[in-house]
Amino acid sequence: MKMLDLNKLDEEPIEVQQAVAFYASHTINEVRVTTEKRRKYYSVLEDAGLLEPLKSVVEP
């Protein structure tokens, strides 16, 4: 999995920046969101290699 340097977050694509912001706010503040919205941002992080795909966590 890729490491993200938050000091260089502005160098990442805007989609990744938004997904990181969503992930942080959702994780820290436990914001209630729809599954569809969560899936949208999580898939961006998965595609960027910043988050393990859910299937790899659920399936053996």
N, C-alpha and C. Protein backbone atom coordinates (compact mmCIF):
# COMPACT_ATOMS: atom_id res chain seq x y z
N MET A 1 0.85 -1.17 0.00
CA MET A 1 0.00 0.00 0.00
C MET A 1 0.89 1.24 0.00
N LYS A 2 0.47 2.22 -0.72
CA LYS A 2 1.21 3.48 -0.88
C LYS A 2 1.06 4.33 0.39
N MET A 3 2.12 5.04 0.73
CA MET A 3 2.09 5.97 1.86
C MET A 3 1.77 7.36 1.32
N LEU A 4 1.04 8.13 2.12
CA LEU A 4 0.67 9.48 1.72
C LEU A 4 1.32 10.47 2.66
N ASP A 5 2.07 11.40 2.12
CA ASP A 5 2.67 12.47 2.90
C ASP A 5 1.67 13.63 2.90
N LEU A 6 1.05 13.88 4.04
CA LEU A 6 0.04 14.93 4.10
C LEU A 6 0.61 16.31 3.84
N ASN A 7 1.92 16.47 4.01
CA ASN A 7 2.55 17.75 3.68
C ASN A 7 2.56 18.00 2.17
N LYS A 8 2.37 16.92 1.40
CA LYS A 8 2.37 17.04 -0.07
C LYS A 8 1.01 16.68 -0.65
N LEU A 9 -0.02 16.75 0.16
CA LEU A 9 -1.36 16.41 -0.30
C LEU A 9 -1.80 17.27 -1.48
N ASP A 10 -1.35 18.52 -1.50
CA ASP A 10 -1.74 19.42 -2.60
C ASP A 10 -1.14 18.99 -3.94
N GLU A 11 -0.19 18.06 -3.93
CA GLU A 11 0.39 17.55 -5.16
C GLU A 11 -0.41 16.38 -5.73
N GLU A 12 -1.34 15.86 -4.95
CA GLU A 12 -2.18 14.74 -5.38
C GLU A 12 -3.34 15.27 -6.22
N PRO A 13 -3.94 14.41 -7.06
CA PRO A 13 -5.11 14.84 -7.84
C PRO A 13 -6.24 15.29 -6.91
N ILE A 14 -7.08 16.18 -7.38
CA ILE A 14 -8.16 16.74 -6.57
C ILE A 14 -9.09 15.64 -6.04
N GLU A 15 -9.30 14.59 -6.83
CA GLU A 15 -10.16 13.50 -6.38
C GLU A 15 -9.58 12.83 -5.14
N VAL A 16 -8.27 12.66 -5.11
CA VAL A 16 -7.61 12.05 -3.96
C VAL A 16 -7.68 13.00 -2.76
N GLN A 17 -7.47 14.28 -2.99
CA GLN A 17 -7.57 15.26 -1.91
C GLN A 17 -8.95 15.22 -1.26
N GLN A 18 -9.98 15.20 -2.10
CA GLN A 18 -11.35 15.17 -1.58
C GLN A 18 -11.63 13.86 -0.84
N ALA A 19 -11.15 12.76 -1.38
CA ALA A 19 -11.37 11.47 -0.74
C ALA A 19 -10.65 11.39 0.60
N VAL A 20 -9.45 11.92 0.68
CA VAL A 20 -8.72 11.94 1.95
C VAL A 20 -9.46 12.80 2.97
N ALA A 21 -9.96 13.95 2.54
CA ALA A 21 -10.72 14.82 3.44
C ALA A 21 -11.98 14.11 3.93
N PHE A 22 -12.67 13.42 3.03
CA PHE A 22 -13.87 12.68 3.42
C PHE A 22 -13.51 11.58 4.40
N TYR A 23 -12.48 10.80 4.09
CA TYR A 23 -12.07 9.69 4.95
C TYR A 23 -11.71 10.19 6.34
N ALA A 24 -10.95 11.27 6.40
CA ALA A 24 -10.55 11.82 7.70
C ALA A 24 -11.75 12.31 8.49
N SER A 25 -12.64 13.04 7.85
CA SER A 25 -13.81 13.56 8.58
C SER A 25 -14.73 12.42 8.99
N HIS A 26 -14.88 11.42 8.15
CA HIS A 26 -15.74 10.29 8.48
C HIS A 26 -15.15 9.47 9.62
N THR A 27 -13.85 9.30 9.61
CA THR A 27 -13.18 8.49 10.63
C THR A 27 -13.12 9.22 11.97
N ILE A 28 -12.79 10.49 11.95
CA ILE A 28 -12.61 11.25 13.18
C ILE A 28 -13.93 11.67 13.79
N ASN A 29 -14.82 12.21 12.97
CA ASN A 29 -16.07 12.77 13.47
C ASN A 29 -17.25 11.81 13.39
N GLU A 30 -17.04 10.64 12.79
CA GLU A 30 -18.10 9.66 12.62
C GLU A 30 -19.34 10.29 11.97
N VAL A 31 -19.09 11.03 10.90
CA VAL A 31 -20.15 11.69 10.15
C VAL A 31 -21.02 10.62 9.48
N ARG A 32 -22.32 10.80 9.52
CA ARG A 32 -23.23 9.85 8.87
C ARG A 32 -23.35 10.21 7.39
N VAL A 33 -23.08 9.22 6.55
CA VAL A 33 -23.17 9.40 5.10
C VAL A 33 -23.81 8.16 4.49
N THR A 34 -24.25 8.32 3.25
CA THR A 34 -24.82 7.18 2.56
C THR A 34 -23.72 6.21 2.15
N THR A 35 -24.10 4.98 1.96
CA THR A 35 -23.15 3.96 1.50
C THR A 35 -22.61 4.32 0.13
N GLU A 36 -23.46 4.88 -0.71
CA GLU A 36 -23.04 5.27 -2.05
C GLU A 36 -21.94 6.31 -2.01
N LYS A 37 -22.09 7.31 -1.15
CA LYS A 37 -21.09 8.37 -1.04
C LYS A 37 -19.78 7.80 -0.48
N ARG A 38 -19.90 6.97 0.53
CA ARG A 38 -18.71 6.36 1.12
C ARG A 38 -17.98 5.51 0.08
N ARG A 39 -18.72 4.73 -0.67
CA ARG A 39 -18.12 3.87 -1.70
C ARG A 39 -17.41 4.71 -2.75
N LYS A 40 -17.99 5.84 -3.12
CA LYS A 40 -17.39 6.73 -4.12
C LYS A 40 -16.00 7.17 -3.68
N TYR A 41 -15.89 7.68 -2.46
CA TYR A 41 -14.60 8.18 -1.99
C TYR A 41 -13.63 7.05 -1.66
N TYR A 42 -14.13 5.98 -1.08
CA TYR A 42 -13.24 4.87 -0.75
C TYR A 42 -12.65 4.24 -2.01
N SER A 43 -13.44 4.16 -3.09
CA SER A 43 -12.92 3.58 -4.32
C SER A 43 -11.79 4.45 -4.90
N VAL A 44 -11.89 5.76 -4.73
CA VAL A 44 -10.80 6.66 -5.19
C VAL A 44 -9.52 6.34 -4.41
N LEU A 45 -9.65 6.17 -3.09
CA LEU A 45 -8.48 5.85 -2.27
C LEU A 45 -7.93 4.47 -2.59
N GLU A 46 -8.81 3.51 -2.86
CA GLU A 46 -8.37 2.17 -3.25
C GLU A 46 -7.61 2.23 -4.57
N ASP A 47 -8.16 2.94 -5.55
CA ASP A 47 -7.52 3.06 -6.86
C ASP A 47 -6.16 3.74 -6.77
N ALA A 48 -6.02 4.67 -5.84
CA ALA A 48 -4.75 5.39 -5.66
C ALA A 48 -3.76 4.57 -4.83
N GLY A 49 -4.21 3.42 -4.32
CA GLY A 49 -3.33 2.57 -3.52
C GLY A 49 -3.16 3.04 -2.09
N LEU A 50 -4.07 3.90 -1.62
CA LEU A 50 -3.96 4.46 -0.27
C LEU A 50 -4.84 3.74 0.75
N LEU A 51 -5.70 2.85 0.27
CA LEU A 51 -6.61 2.13 1.15
C LEU A 51 -6.74 0.72 0.62
N GLU A 52 -6.66 -0.26 1.52
CA GLU A 52 -6.83 -1.64 1.11
C GLU A 52 -8.26 -1.84 0.62
N PRO A 53 -8.43 -2.54 -0.50
CA PRO A 53 -9.79 -2.82 -0.97
C PRO A 53 -10.55 -3.62 0.07
N LEU A 54 -11.82 -3.32 0.22
CA LEU A 54 -12.64 -4.00 1.21
C LEU A 54 -12.65 -5.49 0.99
N LYS A 55 -12.67 -5.94 -0.26
CA LYS A 55 -12.70 -7.36 -0.54
C LYS A 55 -11.49 -8.06 0.05
N SER A 56 -10.34 -7.42 0.05
CA SER A 56 -9.13 -8.07 0.58
C SER A 56 -9.21 -8.21 2.10
N VAL A 57 -10.01 -7.39 2.74
CA VAL A 57 -10.16 -7.47 4.19
C VAL A 57 -11.21 -8.51 4.55
N VAL A 58 -12.26 -8.61 3.74
CA VAL A 58 -13.37 -9.51 4.04
C VAL A 58 -13.08 -10.94 3.59
N GLU A 59 -12.54 -11.09 2.41
CA GLU A 59 -12.30 -12.42 1.87
C GLU A 59 -10.94 -12.93 2.34
N PRO A 60 -10.85 -14.25 2.57
CA PRO A 60 -9.56 -14.84 3.02
C PRO A 60 -8.51 -14.82 1.95
